[in-house]
């Protein structure tokens, strides 16, 4: 694993901690958190499906 990949992983974990603490500050119940998480997953999956349908690719 390169140093750049390690830094990226640490940064992503840090963002997950920030997002988790933001959810905790709202004191939502587990069911509401799960509902919000599933909605976001559905949004991202939908965007990936639409991008794949139109043949979008990442630049090299």
PDB file of N, CA and C in Angstrom:
ATOM      1  N   UNK A   1       0.851  -1.178   0.000  1.00  0.00           N
ATOM      2  CA  UNK A   1       0.000   0.000   0.000  1.00  0.00           C
ATOM      3  C   UNK A   1       0.890   1.232   0.000  1.00  0.00           C
ATOM      4  N   UNK A   2       0.601   2.147  -0.888  1.00  0.00           N
ATOM      5  CA  UNK A   2       1.409   3.369  -0.984  1.00  0.00           C
ATOM      6  C   UNK A   2       1.012   4.357   0.114  1.00  0.00           C
ATOM      7  N   UNK A   3       1.863   5.351   0.298  1.00  0.00           N
ATOM      8  CA  UNK A   3       1.581   6.373   1.309  1.00  0.00           C
ATOM      9  C   UNK A   3       0.325   7.162   0.968  1.00  0.00           C
ATOM     10  N   UNK A   4       0.109   7.409  -0.322  1.00  0.00           N
ATOM     11  CA  UNK A   4      -1.081   8.151  -0.739  1.00  0.00           C
ATOM     12  C   UNK A   4      -2.356   7.409  -0.412  1.00  0.00           C
ATOM     13  N   UNK A   5      -2.347   6.082  -0.594  1.00  0.00           N
ATOM     14  CA  UNK A   5      -3.533   5.282  -0.286  1.00  0.00           C
ATOM     15  C   UNK A   5      -3.795   5.271   1.215  1.00  0.00           C
ATOM     16  N   UNK A   6      -2.735   5.213   2.004  1.00  0.00           N
ATOM     17  CA  UNK A   6      -2.891   5.215   3.459  1.00  0.00           C
ATOM     18  C   UNK A   6      -3.482   6.543   3.936  1.00  0.00           C
ATOM     19  N   UNK A   7      -3.010   7.639   3.369  1.00  0.00           N
ATOM     20  CA  UNK A   7      -3.544   8.958   3.728  1.00  0.00           C
ATOM     21  C   UNK A   7      -5.014   9.054   3.338  1.00  0.00           C
ATOM     22  N   UNK A   8      -5.366   8.513   2.184  1.00  0.00           N
ATOM     23  CA  UNK A   8      -6.757   8.539   1.740  1.00  0.00           C
ATOM     24  C   UNK A   8      -7.651   7.754   2.692  1.00  0.00           C
ATOM     25  N   UNK A   9      -7.206   6.595   3.124  1.00  0.00           N
ATOM     26  CA  UNK A   9      -7.993   5.779   4.053  1.00  0.00           C
ATOM     27  C   UNK A   9      -8.178   6.505   5.379  1.00  0.00           C
ATOM     28  N   UNK A  10      -7.107   7.103   5.892  1.00  0.00           N
ATOM     29  CA  UNK A  10      -7.201   7.846   7.157  1.00  0.00           C
ATOM     30  C   UNK A  10      -8.161   9.021   7.012  1.00  0.00           C
ATOM     31  N   UNK A  11      -8.103   9.723   5.881  1.00  0.00           N
ATOM     32  CA  UNK A  11      -9.001  10.860   5.659  1.00  0.00           C
ATOM     33  C   UNK A  11     -10.454  10.398   5.585  1.00  0.00           C
ATOM     34  N   UNK A  12     -10.711   9.278   4.897  1.00  0.00           N
ATOM     35  CA  UNK A  12     -12.083   8.774   4.802  1.00  0.00           C
ATOM     36  C   UNK A  12     -12.621   8.351   6.164  1.00  0.00           C
ATOM     37  N   UNK A  13     -11.795   7.718   6.969  1.00  0.00           N
ATOM     38  CA  UNK A  13     -12.218   7.334   8.319  1.00  0.00           C
ATOM     39  C   UNK A  13     -12.517   8.590   9.144  1.00  0.00           C
ATOM     40  N   UNK A  14     -11.685   9.611   8.976  1.00  0.00           N
ATOM     41  CA  UNK A  14     -11.931  10.870   9.676  1.00  0.00           C
ATOM     42  C   UNK A  14     -13.259  11.495   9.288  1.00  0.00           C
ATOM     43  N   UNK A  15     -13.589  11.470   7.996  1.00  0.00           N
ATOM     44  CA  UNK A  15     -14.877  12.017   7.558  1.00  0.00           C
ATOM     45  C   UNK A  15     -16.032  11.191   8.109  1.00  0.00           C
ATOM     46  N   UNK A  16     -15.854   9.872   8.182  1.00  0.00           N
ATOM     47  CA  UNK A  16     -16.910   9.043   8.760  1.00  0.00           C
ATOM     48  C   UNK A  16     -17.136   9.384  10.227  1.00  0.00           C
ATOM     49  N   UNK A  17     -16.072   9.696  10.955  1.00  0.00           N
ATOM     50  CA  UNK A  17     -16.214  10.103  12.354  1.00  0.00           C
ATOM     51  C   UNK A  17     -16.964  11.430  12.451  1.00  0.00           C
ATOM     52  N   UNK A  18     -16.645  12.361  11.560  1.00  0.00           N
ATOM     53  CA  UNK A  18     -17.331  13.661  11.562  1.00  0.00           C
ATOM     54  C   UNK A  18     -18.820  13.484  11.277  1.00  0.00           C
ATOM     55  N   UNK A  19     -19.146  12.680  10.276  1.00  0.00           N
ATOM     56  CA  UNK A  19     -20.548  12.444   9.933  1.00  0.00           C
ATOM     57  C   UNK A  19     -21.264  11.723  11.066  1.00  0.00           C
ATOM     58  N   UNK A  20     -20.614  10.737  11.648  1.00  0.00           N
ATOM     59  CA  UNK A  20     -21.220  10.009  12.769  1.00  0.00           C
ATOM     60  C   UNK A  20     -21.490  10.909  13.958  1.00  0.00           C
ATOM     61  N   UNK A  21     -20.565  11.810  14.256  1.00  0.00           N
ATOM     62  CA  UNK A  21     -20.787  12.726  15.373  1.00  0.00           C
ATOM     63  C   UNK A  21     -21.897  13.730  15.056  1.00  0.00           C
ATOM     64  N   UNK A  22     -22.039  14.096  13.793  1.00  0.00           N
ATOM     65  CA  UNK A  22     -23.134  14.995  13.413  1.00  0.00           C
ATOM     66  C   UNK A  22     -24.477  14.305  13.616  1.00  0.00           C
ATOM     67  N   UNK A  23     -24.577  13.034  13.205  1.00  0.00           N
ATOM     68  CA  UNK A  23     -25.815  12.290  13.444  1.00  0.00           C
ATOM     69  C   UNK A  23     -26.090  12.148  14.935  1.00  0.00           C
ATOM     70  N   UNK A  24     -25.054  11.896  15.726  1.00  0.00           N
ATOM     71  CA  UNK A  24     -25.231  11.735  17.168  1.00  0.00           C
ATOM     72  C   UNK A  24     -25.724  13.029  17.806  1.00  0.00           C
ATOM     73  N   UNK A  25     -25.321  14.181  17.272  1.00  0.00           N
ATOM     74  CA  UNK A  25     -25.735  15.454  17.851  1.00  0.00           C
ATOM     75  C   UNK A  25     -27.238  15.702  17.663  1.00  0.00           C
ATOM     76  N   UNK A  26     -27.833  15.096  16.645  1.00  0.00           N
ATOM     77  CA  UNK A  26     -29.274  15.249  16.444  1.00  0.00           C
ATOM     78  C   UNK A  26     -30.079  14.306  17.321  1.00  0.00           C
ATOM     79  N   UNK A  27     -29.427  13.343  17.955  1.00  0.00           N
ATOM     80  CA  UNK A  27     -30.057  12.374  18.850  1.00  0.00           C
ATOM     81  C   UNK A  27     -31.237  11.667  18.177  1.00  0.00           C
ATOM     82  N   UNK A  28     -30.982  11.198  16.953  1.00  0.00           N
ATOM     83  CA  UNK A  28     -32.003  10.463  16.224  1.00  0.00           C
ATOM     84  C   UNK A  28     -32.009   9.018  16.694  1.00  0.00           C
ATOM     85  N   UNK A  29     -33.144   8.372  16.560  1.00  0.00           N
ATOM     86  CA  UNK A  29     -33.227   6.957  16.881  1.00  0.00           C
ATOM     87  C   UNK A  29     -32.557   6.122  15.804  1.00  0.00           C
ATOM     88  N   UNK A  30     -32.244   4.870  16.140  1.00  0.00           N
ATOM     89  CA  UNK A  30     -31.565   3.988  15.195  1.00  0.00           C
ATOM     90  C   UNK A  30     -32.387   3.776  13.938  1.00  0.00           C
ATOM     91  N   UNK A  31     -33.697   3.699  14.070  1.00  0.00           N
ATOM     92  CA  UNK A  31     -34.532   3.470  12.892  1.00  0.00           C
ATOM     93  C   UNK A  31     -34.472   4.667  11.941  1.00  0.00           C
ATOM     94  N   UNK A  32     -34.445   5.872  12.476  1.00  0.00           N
ATOM     95  CA  UNK A  32     -34.365   7.069  11.644  1.00  0.00           C
ATOM     96  C   UNK A  32     -32.991   7.157  10.964  1.00  0.00           C
ATOM     97  N   UNK A  33     -31.930   6.820  11.686  1.00  0.00           N
ATOM     98  CA  UNK A  33     -30.593   6.833  11.104  1.00  0.00           C
ATOM     99  C   UNK A  33     -30.505   5.809   9.979  1.00  0.00           C
ATOM    100  N   UNK A  34     -31.058   4.622  10.196  1.00  0.00           N
ATOM    101  CA  UNK A  34     -31.049   3.588   9.166  1.00  0.00           C
ATOM    102  C   UNK A  34     -31.846   4.034   7.945  1.00  0.00           C
ATOM    103  N   UNK A  35     -32.975   4.682   8.170  1.00  0.00           N
ATOM    104  CA  UNK A  35     -33.794   5.171   7.068  1.00  0.00           C
ATOM    105  C   UNK A  35     -33.029   6.210   6.244  1.00  0.00           C
ATOM    106  N   UNK A  36     -32.365   7.143   6.900  1.00  0.00           N
ATOM    107  CA  UNK A  36     -31.597   8.162   6.199  1.00  0.00           C
ATOM    108  C   UNK A  36     -30.440   7.525   5.433  1.00  0.00           C
ATOM    109  N   UNK A  37     -29.757   6.572   6.057  1.00  0.00           N
ATOM    110  CA  UNK A  37     -28.630   5.900   5.400  1.00  0.00           C
ATOM    111  C   UNK A  37     -29.098   5.142   4.160  1.00  0.00           C
ATOM    112  N   UNK A  38     -30.227   4.462   4.250  1.00  0.00           N
ATOM    113  CA  UNK A  38     -30.747   3.725   3.099  1.00  0.00           C
ATOM    114  C   UNK A  38     -31.165   4.661   1.968  1.00  0.00           C
ATOM    115  N   UNK A  39     -31.694   5.814   2.320  1.00  0.00           N
ATOM    116  CA  UNK A  39     -32.062   6.798   1.298  1.00  0.00           C
ATOM    117  C   UNK A  39     -30.809   7.274   0.565  1.00  0.00           C
ATOM    118  N   UNK A  40     -29.722   7.561   1.309  1.00  0.00           N
ATOM    119  CA  UNK A  40     -28.490   7.990   0.666  1.00  0.00           C
ATOM    120  C   UNK A  40     -27.892   6.890  -0.191  1.00  0.00           C
ATOM    121  N   UNK A  41     -27.939   5.657   0.281  1.00  0.00           N
ATOM    122  CA  UNK A  41     -27.435   4.537  -0.525  1.00  0.00           C
ATOM    123  C   UNK A  41     -28.237   4.431  -1.819  1.00  0.00           C
ATOM    124  N   UNK A  42     -29.561   4.577  -1.724  1.00  0.00           N
ATOM    125  CA  UNK A  42     -30.411   4.501  -2.914  1.00  0.00           C
ATOM    126  C   UNK A  42     -30.084   5.634  -3.896  1.00  0.00           C
ATOM    127  N   UNK A  43     -29.807   6.817  -3.379  1.00  0.00           N
ATOM    128  CA  UNK A  43     -29.451   7.949  -4.242  1.00  0.00           C
ATOM    129  C   UNK A  43     -28.163   7.649  -5.001  1.00  0.00           C
ATOM    130  N   UNK A  44     -27.132   7.197  -4.285  1.00  0.00           N
ATOM    131  CA  UNK A  44     -25.850   6.926  -4.937  1.00  0.00           C
ATOM    132  C   UNK A  44     -25.942   5.765  -5.913  1.00  0.00           C
ATOM    133  N   UNK A  45     -26.652   4.709  -5.547  1.00  0.00           N
ATOM    134  CA  UNK A  45     -26.817   3.576  -6.465  1.00  0.00           C
ATOM    135  C   UNK A  45     -27.572   4.027  -7.711  1.00  0.00           C
ATOM    136  N   UNK A  46     -28.597   4.828  -7.531  1.00  0.00           N
ATOM    137  CA  UNK A  46     -29.349   5.343  -8.669  1.00  0.00           C
ATOM    138  C   UNK A  46     -28.478   6.180  -9.587  1.00  0.00           C
ATOM    139  N   UNK A  47     -27.634   7.032  -9.010  1.00  0.00           N
ATOM    140  CA  UNK A  47     -26.737   7.848  -9.836  1.00  0.00           C
ATOM    141  C   UNK A  47     -25.731   6.981 -10.585  1.00  0.00           C
ATOM    142  N   UNK A  48     -25.205   5.946  -9.934  1.00  0.00           N
ATOM    143  CA  UNK A  48     -24.265   5.052 -10.615  1.00  0.00           C
ATOM    144  C   UNK A  48     -24.952   4.290 -11.740  1.00  0.00           C
ATOM    145  N   UNK A  49     -26.188   3.873 -11.529  1.00  0.00           N
ATOM    146  CA  UNK A  49     -26.918   3.154 -12.573  1.00  0.00           C
ATOM    147  C   UNK A  49     -27.193   4.070 -13.765  1.00  0.00           C
ATOM    148  N   UNK A  50     -27.586   5.296 -13.486  1.00  0.00           N
ATOM    149  CA  UNK A  50     -27.839   6.256 -14.568  1.00  0.00           C
ATOM    150  C   UNK A  50     -26.551   6.552 -15.332  1.00  0.00           C
ATOM    151  N   UNK A  51     -25.442   6.756 -14.599  1.00  0.00           N
ATOM    152  CA  UNK A  51     -24.165   7.025 -15.258  1.00  0.00           C
ATOM    153  C   UNK A  51     -23.729   5.835 -16.093  1.00  0.00           C
ATOM    154  N   UNK A  52     -23.946   4.609 -15.599  1.00  0.00           N
ATOM    155  CA  UNK A  52     -23.591   3.416 -16.355  1.00  0.00           C
ATOM    156  C   UNK A  52     -24.472   3.270 -17.592  1.00  0.00           C
ATOM    157  N   UNK A  53     -25.734   3.607 -17.467  1.00  0.00           N
ATOM    158  CA  UNK A  53     -26.666   3.527 -18.590  1.00  0.00           C
ATOM    159  C   UNK A  53     -26.226   4.434 -19.733  1.00  0.00           C
ATOM    160  N   UNK A  54     -25.737   5.633 -19.388  1.00  0.00           N
ATOM    161  CA  UNK A  54     -25.300   6.577 -20.405  1.00  0.00           C
ATOM    162  C   UNK A  54     -23.846   6.379 -20.806  1.00  0.00           C
ATOM    163  N   UNK A  55     -23.182   5.377 -20.233  1.00  0.00           N
ATOM    164  CA  UNK A  55     -21.815   5.049 -20.623  1.00  0.00           C
ATOM    165  C   UNK A  55     -20.752   5.983 -20.077  1.00  0.00           C
ATOM    166  N   UNK A  56     -21.012   6.608 -18.959  1.00  0.00           N
ATOM    167  CA  UNK A  56     -20.023   7.512 -18.373  1.00  0.00           C
ATOM    168  C   UNK A  56     -18.854   6.705 -17.826  1.00  0.00           C
ATOM    169  N   UNK A  57     -17.649   7.218 -18.020  1.00  0.00           N
ATOM    170  CA  UNK A  57     -16.448   6.589 -17.495  1.00  0.00           C
ATOM    171  C   UNK A  57     -15.587   7.636 -16.806  1.00  0.00           C
ATOM    172  N   UNK A  58     -14.718   7.174 -15.929  1.00  0.00           N
ATOM    173  CA  UNK A  58     -13.786   8.071 -15.272  1.00  0.00           C
ATOM    174  C   UNK A  58     -12.578   8.280 -16.185  1.00  0.00           C
ATOM    175  N   UNK A  59     -12.052   9.504 -16.216  1.00  0.00           N
ATOM    176  CA  UNK A  59     -10.872   9.751 -17.054  1.00  0.00           C
ATOM    177  C   UNK A  59      -9.647   9.052 -16.474  1.00  0.00           C
ATOM    178  N   UNK A  60      -8.744   8.633 -17.356  1.00  0.00           N
ATOM    179  CA  UNK A  60      -7.514   7.949 -16.905  1.00  0.00           C
ATOM    180  C   UNK A  60      -6.413   8.912 -16.679  1.00  0.00           C
TER     181      UNK A  60
END
